[in-house]
C-alpha atoms as a PDB file:
ATOM      1  CA  MET A   1      85.749 -18.075 -16.259  1.00  0.00           C
ATOM      2  CA  ARG A   2      82.084 -18.690 -17.010  1.00  0.00           C
ATOM      3  CA  GLN A   3      79.958 -15.902 -18.465  1.00  0.00           C
ATOM      4  CA  PHE A   4      76.354 -15.827 -17.256  1.00  0.00           C
ATOM      5  CA  SER A   5      73.645 -15.012 -19.760  1.00  0.00           C
ATOM      6  CA  GLY A   6      71.780 -11.808 -19.043  1.00  0.00           C
ATOM      7  CA  PHE A   7      74.766 -10.086 -17.421  1.00  0.00           C
ATOM      8  CA  ALA A   8      77.242  -7.899 -19.225  1.00  0.00           C
ATOM      9  CA  PRO A   9      80.863  -8.944 -18.657  1.00  0.00           C
ATOM     10  CA  PRO A  10      82.665  -6.578 -16.278  1.00  0.00           C
ATOM     11  CA  ARG A  11      85.162  -4.143 -17.705  1.00  0.00           C
ATOM     12  CA  GLU A  12      88.721  -5.331 -17.181  1.00  0.00           C
ATOM     13  CA  SER A  13      89.575  -2.278 -15.072  1.00  0.00           C
ATOM     14  CA  ASN A  14      86.655  -3.031 -12.749  1.00  0.00           C
ATOM     15  CA  LEU A  15      87.702  -6.675 -12.484  1.00  0.00           C
ATOM     16  CA  ARG A  16      91.265  -5.704 -11.649  1.00  0.00           C
ATOM     17  CA  ASP A  17      90.139  -3.234  -9.000  1.00  0.00           C
ATOM     18  CA  LEU A  18      87.744  -5.738  -7.469  1.00  0.00           C
ATOM     19  CA  PHE A  19      90.225  -8.574  -7.064  1.00  0.00           C
ATOM     20  CA  PHE A  20      93.044  -6.262  -6.005  1.00  0.00           C
ATOM     21  CA  ALA A  21      90.757  -5.165  -3.159  1.00  0.00           C
ATOM     22  CA  VAL A  22      89.839  -8.768  -2.355  1.00  0.00           C
ATOM     23  CA  GLY A  23      93.513  -9.760  -2.176  1.00  0.00           C
ATOM     24  CA  TYR A  24      94.375  -6.785   0.019  1.00  0.00           C
ATOM     25  CA  ALA A  25      91.452  -7.362   2.391  1.00  0.00           C
ATOM     26  CA  GLN A  26      92.098 -11.091   2.656  1.00  0.00           C
ATOM     27  CA  ALA A  27      95.767 -10.508   3.457  1.00  0.00           C
ATOM     28  CA  GLN A  28      94.743  -7.955   6.039  1.00  0.00           C
ATOM     29  CA  ASP A  29      92.660 -10.540   7.877  1.00  0.00           C
ATOM     30  CA  ARG A  30      94.328 -13.872   7.008  1.00  0.00           C
ATOM     31  CA  LEU A  31      97.909 -13.422   5.812  1.00  0.00           C
ATOM     32  CA  TRP A  32      99.441 -15.998   8.139  1.00  0.00           C
ATOM     33  CA  GLN A  33      96.773 -18.560   7.280  1.00  0.00           C
ATOM     34  CA  MET A  34      97.232 -17.831   3.581  1.00  0.00           C
ATOM     35  CA  ASP A  35     100.999 -18.277   3.747  1.00  0.00           C
ATOM     36  CA  PHE A  36     100.649 -21.487   5.774  1.00  0.00           C
ATOM     37  CA  ASN A  37      98.141 -22.891   3.291  1.00  0.00           C
ATOM     38  CA  ARG A  38     100.200 -22.110   0.201  1.00  0.00           C
ATOM     39  CA  ARG A  39     103.217 -23.744   1.843  1.00  0.00           C
ATOM     40  CA  LEU A  40     101.073 -26.748   2.685  1.00  0.00           C
ATOM     41  CA  ALA A  41      99.813 -26.997  -0.910  1.00  0.00           C
ATOM     42  CA  SER A  42     103.339 -26.663  -2.327  1.00  0.00           C
ATOM     43  CA  GLY A  43     105.126 -29.031   0.064  1.00  0.00           C
ATOM     44  CA  ARG A  44     107.150 -26.291   1.751  1.00  0.00           C
ATOM     45  CA  LEU A  45     106.100 -26.464   5.385  1.00  0.00           C
ATOM     46  CA  ALA A  46     109.387 -27.934   6.579  1.00  0.00           C
ATOM     47  CA  GLU A  47     111.214 -24.785   5.501  1.00  0.00           C
ATOM     48  CA  VAL A  48     109.640 -22.940   8.432  1.00  0.00           C
ATOM     49  CA  LEU A  49     108.389 -25.716  10.740  1.00  0.00           C
ATOM     50  CA  GLY A  50     111.387 -28.025  10.541  1.00  0.00           C
ATOM     51  CA  GLU A  51     111.719 -31.804  10.454  1.00  0.00           C
ATOM     52  CA  PRO A  52     108.239 -32.703  11.812  1.00  0.00           C
ATOM     53  CA  ALA A  53     106.714 -31.418   8.568  1.00  0.00           C
ATOM     54  CA  VAL A  54     109.014 -33.305   6.188  1.00  0.00           C
ATOM     55  CA  GLU A  55     106.715 -36.300   5.678  1.00  0.00           C
ATOM     56  CA  ILE A  56     103.760 -34.014   4.957  1.00  0.00           C
ATOM     57  CA  ASP A  57     105.826 -32.163   2.366  1.00  0.00           C
ATOM     58  CA  ARG A  58     106.863 -35.421   0.726  1.00  0.00           C
ATOM     59  CA  LEU A  59     103.261 -36.547   0.384  1.00  0.00           C
ATOM     60  CA  ILE A  60     102.125 -33.213  -1.033  1.00  0.00           C
ATOM     61  CA  ARG A  61     104.972 -33.064  -3.540  1.00  0.00           C
ATOM     62  CA  ARG A  62     104.147 -36.564  -4.750  1.00  0.00           C
ATOM     63  CA  ALA A  63     100.529 -35.473  -5.209  1.00  0.00           C
ATOM     64  CA  GLY A  64     101.820 -32.572  -7.304  1.00  0.00           C
ATOM     65  CA  PHE A  65      99.406 -29.747  -6.519  1.00  0.00           C
ATOM     66  CA  ARG A  66     102.045 -27.130  -7.313  1.00  0.00           C
ATOM     67  CA  ARG A  67     102.891 -28.730 -10.647  1.00  0.00           C
ATOM     68  CA  ALA A  68      99.202 -28.809 -11.534  1.00  0.00           C
ATOM     69  CA  ALA A  69      98.888 -25.150 -10.529  1.00  0.00           C
ATOM     70  CA  GLU A  70     101.738 -24.173 -12.832  1.00  0.00           C
ATOM     71  CA  ARG A  71     100.001 -25.924 -15.726  1.00  0.00           C
ATOM     72  CA  ASP A  72      96.704 -24.279 -14.817  1.00  0.00           C
ATOM     73  CA  ASN A  73      98.299 -20.840 -14.816  1.00  0.00           C
ATOM     74  CA  ALA A  74     100.023 -21.449 -18.146  1.00  0.00           C
ATOM     75  CA  THR A  75      96.698 -22.304 -19.805  1.00  0.00           C
ATOM     76  CA  ALA A  76      94.522 -19.678 -18.074  1.00  0.00           C
ATOM     77  CA  VAL A  77      92.369 -17.508 -20.309  1.00  0.00           C
ATOM     78  CA  ASP A  78      92.722 -13.715 -20.192  1.00  0.00           C
ATOM     79  CA  GLU A  79      89.927 -13.085 -17.676  1.00  0.00           C
ATOM     80  CA  GLU A  80      91.200 -15.780 -15.329  1.00  0.00           C
ATOM     81  CA  ARG A  81      94.702 -14.351 -15.579  1.00  0.00           C
ATOM     82  CA  THR A  82      93.365 -10.879 -14.744  1.00  0.00           C
ATOM     83  CA  VAL A  83      91.661 -12.214 -11.609  1.00  0.00           C
ATOM     84  CA  LEU A  84      94.675 -14.220 -10.435  1.00  0.00           C
ATOM     85  CA  GLU A  85      97.214 -11.473 -11.065  1.00  0.00           C
ATOM     86  CA  SER A  86      95.094  -8.726  -9.514  1.00  0.00           C
ATOM     87  CA  PHE A  87      94.453 -10.801  -6.399  1.00  0.00           C
ATOM     88  CA  ALA A  88      98.205 -11.435  -6.050  1.00  0.00           C
ATOM     89  CA  GLU A  89      98.946  -7.726  -6.495  1.00  0.00           C
ATOM     90  CA  GLY A  90      96.507  -6.898  -3.701  1.00  0.00           C
ATOM     91  CA  VAL A  91      98.098  -9.401  -1.327  1.00  0.00           C
ATOM     92  CA  ASN A  92     101.577  -8.099  -2.125  1.00  0.00           C
ATOM     93  CA  ALA A  93     100.489  -4.485  -1.664  1.00  0.00           C
ATOM     94  CA  TYR A  94      99.383  -5.291   1.861  1.00  0.00           C
ATOM     95  CA  MET A  95     102.621  -7.128   2.662  1.00  0.00           C
ATOM     96  CA  GLU A  96     104.699  -4.187   1.429  1.00  0.00           C
ATOM     97  CA  ARG A  97     102.822  -1.534   3.392  1.00  0.00           C
ATOM     98  CA  CYS A  98     101.584  -3.086   6.616  1.00  0.00           C
ATOM     99  CA  ARG A  99     102.762  -4.898   9.721  1.00  0.00           C
ATOM    100  CA  LEU A 100     103.011  -8.662   9.374  1.00  0.00           C
ATOM    101  CA  PRO A 101     101.135 -11.022  11.711  1.00  0.00           C
ATOM    102  CA  LEU A 102     102.899 -12.165  14.885  1.00  0.00           C
ATOM    103  CA  GLU A 103     103.449 -15.715  13.602  1.00  0.00           C
ATOM    104  CA  PHE A 104     106.065 -14.495  11.119  1.00  0.00           C
ATOM    105  CA  THR A 105     108.024 -12.884  13.952  1.00  0.00           C
ATOM    106  CA  ILE A 106     107.859 -16.054  16.042  1.00  0.00           C
ATOM    107  CA  LEU A 107     109.114 -18.209  13.165  1.00  0.00           C
ATOM    108  CA  ARG A 108     111.635 -15.545  12.063  1.00  0.00           C
ATOM    109  CA  TYR A 109     110.872 -15.272   8.384  1.00  0.00           C
ATOM    110  CA  ARG A 110     109.130 -12.932   5.960  1.00  0.00           C
ATOM    111  CA  PRO A 111     106.558 -14.254   3.478  1.00  0.00           C
ATOM    112  CA  GLU A 112     107.500 -14.293  -0.176  1.00  0.00           C
ATOM    113  CA  ALA A 113     105.546 -12.340  -2.768  1.00  0.00           C
ATOM    114  CA  TRP A 114     102.207 -13.929  -3.616  1.00  0.00           C
ATOM    115  CA  THR A 115     101.806 -15.425  -7.095  1.00  0.00           C
ATOM    116  CA  PRO A 116      98.894 -16.757  -9.163  1.00  0.00           C
ATOM    117  CA  GLU A 117     100.369 -20.250  -8.740  1.00  0.00           C
ATOM    118  CA  ASP A 118      99.979 -19.900  -4.961  1.00  0.00           C
ATOM    119  CA  THR A 119      96.255 -19.325  -5.348  1.00  0.00           C
ATOM    120  CA  LEU A 120      95.834 -22.160  -7.824  1.00  0.00           C
ATOM    121  CA  ALA A 121      97.917 -24.617  -5.783  1.00  0.00           C
ATOM    122  CA  PHE A 122      95.790 -24.157  -2.696  1.00  0.00           C
ATOM    123  CA  GLY A 123      92.649 -24.434  -4.815  1.00  0.00           C
ATOM    124  CA  ARG A 124      93.905 -27.811  -6.002  1.00  0.00           C
ATOM    125  CA  PHE A 125      94.731 -28.865  -2.450  1.00  0.00           C
ATOM    126  CA  LEU A 126      91.330 -27.744  -1.162  1.00  0.00           C
ATOM    127  CA  GLY A 127      89.584 -29.781  -3.848  1.00  0.00           C
ATOM    128  CA  TRP A 128      91.584 -32.813  -2.767  1.00  0.00           C
ATOM    129  CA  THR A 129      90.572 -32.411   0.880  1.00  0.00           C
ATOM    130  CA  LEU A 130      86.901 -32.355  -0.114  1.00  0.00           C
ATOM    131  CA  ALA A 131      87.374 -35.911  -1.404  1.00  0.00           C
ATOM    132  CA  GLY A 132      88.803 -37.096   1.921  1.00  0.00           C
ATOM    133  CA  ASN A 133      86.322 -39.969   2.163  1.00  0.00           C
ATOM    134  CA  TRP A 134      87.510 -41.654  -1.041  1.00  0.00           C
ATOM    135  CA  ASP A 135      88.534 -44.807   0.811  1.00  0.00           C
ATOM    136  CA  SER A 136      85.115 -45.247   2.431  1.00  0.00           C
ATOM    137  CA  GLU A 137      83.454 -44.644  -0.948  1.00  0.00           C
ATOM    138  CA  LEU A 138      85.559 -47.407  -2.489  1.00  0.00           C
ATOM    139  CA  MET A 139      84.663 -49.758   0.371  1.00  0.00           C
ATOM    140  CA  ARG A 140      80.980 -48.894  -0.034  1.00  0.00           C
ATOM    141  CA  SER A 141      81.127 -49.576  -3.767  1.00  0.00           C
ATOM    142  CA  TRP A 142      82.937 -52.877  -3.234  1.00  0.00           C
ATOM    143  CA  THR A 143      80.391 -53.987  -0.607  1.00  0.00           C
ATOM    144  CA  ILE A 144      77.416 -53.172  -2.850  1.00  0.00           C
ATOM    145  CA  GLU A 145      79.013 -54.958  -5.785  1.00  0.00           C
ATOM    146  CA  ARG A 146      79.687 -58.116  -3.786  1.00  0.00           C
ATOM    147  CA  PHE A 147      76.811 -58.276  -1.279  1.00  0.00           C
ATOM    148  CA  GLY A 148      74.164 -55.925  -2.648  1.00  0.00           C
ATOM    149  CA  ALA A 149      72.745 -52.555  -1.637  1.00  0.00           C
ATOM    150  CA  LYS A 150      70.488 -54.041   1.052  1.00  0.00           C
ATOM    151  CA  VAL A 151      73.446 -55.422   2.998  1.00  0.00           C
ATOM    152  CA  MET A 152      75.317 -52.136   2.598  1.00  0.00           C
ATOM    153  CA  ALA A 153      72.310 -50.237   3.939  1.00  0.00           C
ATOM    154  CA  GLU A 154      72.500 -52.248   7.158  1.00  0.00           C
ATOM    155  CA  PHE A 155      75.923 -50.746   7.832  1.00  0.00           C
ATOM    156  CA  GLU A 156      74.841 -47.167   7.165  1.00  0.00           C
ATOM    157  CA  PRO A 157      73.631 -45.104  10.145  1.00  0.00           C
ATOM    158  CA  VAL A 158      70.089 -43.851   9.766  1.00  0.00           C
ATOM    159  CA  TYR A 159      68.202 -41.102  11.550  1.00  0.00           C
ATOM    160  CA  PRO A 160      66.413 -42.697  14.528  1.00  0.00           C
ATOM    161  CA  ALA A 161      62.666 -43.212  14.245  1.00  0.00           C
ATOM    162  CA  GLY A 162      60.832 -40.674  16.350  1.00  0.00           C
ATOM    163  CA  GLY A 163      63.703 -38.180  16.270  1.00  0.00           C
ATOM    164  CA  PRO A 164      62.777 -34.492  15.970  1.00  0.00           C
ATOM    165  CA  LEU A 165      62.312 -33.094  12.461  1.00  0.00           C
ATOM    166  CA  ILE A 166      62.337 -29.407  11.594  1.00  0.00           C
ATOM    167  CA  VAL A 167      59.905 -30.027   8.724  1.00  0.00           C
ATOM    168  CA  PRO A 168      58.015 -33.298   9.321  1.00  0.00           C
ATOM    169  CA  PRO A 169      56.881 -35.382   6.320  1.00  0.00           C
ATOM    170  CA  GLY A 170      53.615 -34.178   4.833  1.00  0.00           C
ATOM    171  CA  THR A 171      54.072 -30.551   5.889  1.00  0.00           C
ATOM    172  CA  GLU A 172      52.695 -28.178   3.268  1.00  0.00           C
ATOM    173  CA  ALA A 173      54.937 -25.247   2.300  1.00  0.00           C
ATOM    174  CA  THR A 174      53.170 -22.028   1.352  1.00  0.00           C
ATOM    175  CA  GLY A 175      54.513 -19.609  -1.199  1.00  0.00           C
ATOM    176  CA  VAL A 176      56.975 -22.088  -2.736  1.00  0.00           C
ATOM    177  CA  ARG A 177      57.105 -22.392  -6.497  1.00  0.00           C
ATOM    178  CA  PRO A 178      55.732 -25.795  -7.580  1.00  0.00           C
ATOM    179  CA  ASP A 179      58.729 -26.483  -9.815  1.00  0.00           C
ATOM    180  CA  LEU A 180      61.126 -25.910  -6.896  1.00  0.00           C
ATOM    181  CA  SER A 181      59.080 -28.218  -4.695  1.00  0.00           C
ATOM    182  CA  ARG A 182      59.294 -30.963  -7.312  1.00  0.00           C
ATOM    183  CA  ASP A 183      63.050 -30.437  -7.645  1.00  0.00           C
ATOM    184  CA  PHE A 184      63.499 -30.761  -3.887  1.00  0.00           C
ATOM    185  CA  GLU A 185      61.414 -33.924  -3.755  1.00  0.00           C
ATOM    186  CA  GLN A 186      63.521 -35.439  -6.535  1.00  0.00           C
ATOM    187  CA  ALA A 187      66.709 -34.488  -4.688  1.00  0.00           C
ATOM    188  CA  GLU A 188      65.399 -36.122  -1.517  1.00  0.00           C
ATOM    189  CA  GLU A 189      64.640 -39.330  -3.376  1.00  0.00           C
ATOM    190  CA  LEU A 190      68.048 -39.302  -5.021  1.00  0.00           C
ATOM    191  CA  VAL A 191      70.010 -39.170  -1.769  1.00  0.00           C
ATOM    192  CA  GLY A 192      67.541 -41.097   0.364  1.00  0.00           C
ATOM    193  CA  LEU A 193      66.817 -38.326   2.846  1.00  0.00           C
ATOM    194  CA  ILE A 194      63.046 -38.169   2.807  1.00  0.00           C
ATOM    195  CA  GLY A 195      61.910 -35.996   5.722  1.00  0.00           C
ATOM    196  CA  GLN A 196      65.455 -35.300   6.900  1.00  0.00           C
ATOM    197  CA  GLY A 197      67.698 -32.247   6.767  1.00  0.00           C
ATOM    198  CA  MET A 198      70.523 -32.109   4.236  1.00  0.00           C
ATOM    199  CA  SER A 199      73.027 -30.872   6.825  1.00  0.00           C
ATOM    200  CA  ASN A 200      73.180 -29.601  10.401  1.00  0.00           C
ATOM    201  CA  ASN A 201      70.474 -27.259  11.628  1.00  0.00           C
ATOM    202  CA  TRP A 202      68.370 -26.692  14.701  1.00  0.00           C
ATOM    203  CA  ALA A 203      65.956 -24.235  16.295  1.00  0.00           C
ATOM    204  CA  VAL A 204      65.131 -23.269  19.890  1.00  0.00           C
ATOM    205  CA  ASP A 205      61.812 -21.808  20.955  1.00  0.00           C
ATOM    206  CA  GLY A 206      61.867 -18.270  22.317  1.00  0.00           C
ATOM    207  CA  GLN A 207      60.546 -19.521  25.669  1.00  0.00           C
ATOM    208  CA  LYS A 208      63.955 -21.122  26.238  1.00  0.00           C
ATOM    209  CA  SER A 209      66.178 -18.186  25.261  1.00  0.00           C
ATOM    210  CA  VAL A 210      67.363 -15.281  27.414  1.00  0.00           C
ATOM    211  CA  THR A 211      65.939 -12.671  25.045  1.00  0.00           C
ATOM    212  CA  GLY A 212      62.633 -14.422  24.531  1.00  0.00           C
ATOM    213  CA  LYS A 213      63.307 -14.634  20.833  1.00  0.00           C
ATOM    214  CA  PRO A 214      63.748 -17.916  18.925  1.00  0.00           C
ATOM    215  CA  LEU A 215      67.234 -19.090  17.960  1.00  0.00           C
ATOM    216  CA  LEU A 216      67.983 -20.621  14.568  1.00  0.00           C
ATOM    217  CA  ALA A 217      71.308 -22.140  13.550  1.00  0.00           C
ATOM    218  CA  GLY A 218      72.152 -23.613  10.177  1.00  0.00           C
ATOM    219  CA  ASP A 219      75.310 -25.192   8.752  1.00  0.00           C
ATOM    220  CA  PRO A 220      74.608 -25.834   5.078  1.00  0.00           C
ATOM    221  CA  HIS A 221      77.328 -27.465   3.008  1.00  0.00           C
END
């Protein structure tokens, strides 16, 4: 676990208390989702969902997220082990003391004790899902290599000319540190998004809302 300069490392007792509480609170709100996700990451869905999940389990077991998690846990440093074990203890404390979500009753099983490997396995699986566009990236790379970037650009959707912009090009920002402004400009040039938003966001004028106040929604990734 990375140590940040300027901050004293937390005492181990504080770290244990913190992640025990996190595990307990997360189980309180999301235990069924947590159990489903660790089964998904370990290739064990068919045990509770039956034959329709067999092919998913086969794929996941070939990918080996659980095996990778076991290796990760075996090589974890002391602070990482403290976090993982304390989180698991918090989850298990909730399962031992409180009523289980309805889904467990419907499927007629009780969740097993949570382990550090469960946390690590789903972390591995989640990282894999964030690379879900790997095939399109390979196709893009192949197209650029064979036909050039200009041809590839013709296939890429672009923001329509004349479309609304939250911050139009040339708008001066007040109170922004110059070095941050330069960094943002460089980032825009790098990804080719001059004058465009990095993700999904929109605003509505107060004249069009029930309360008379403006509405702002943002979905940064």
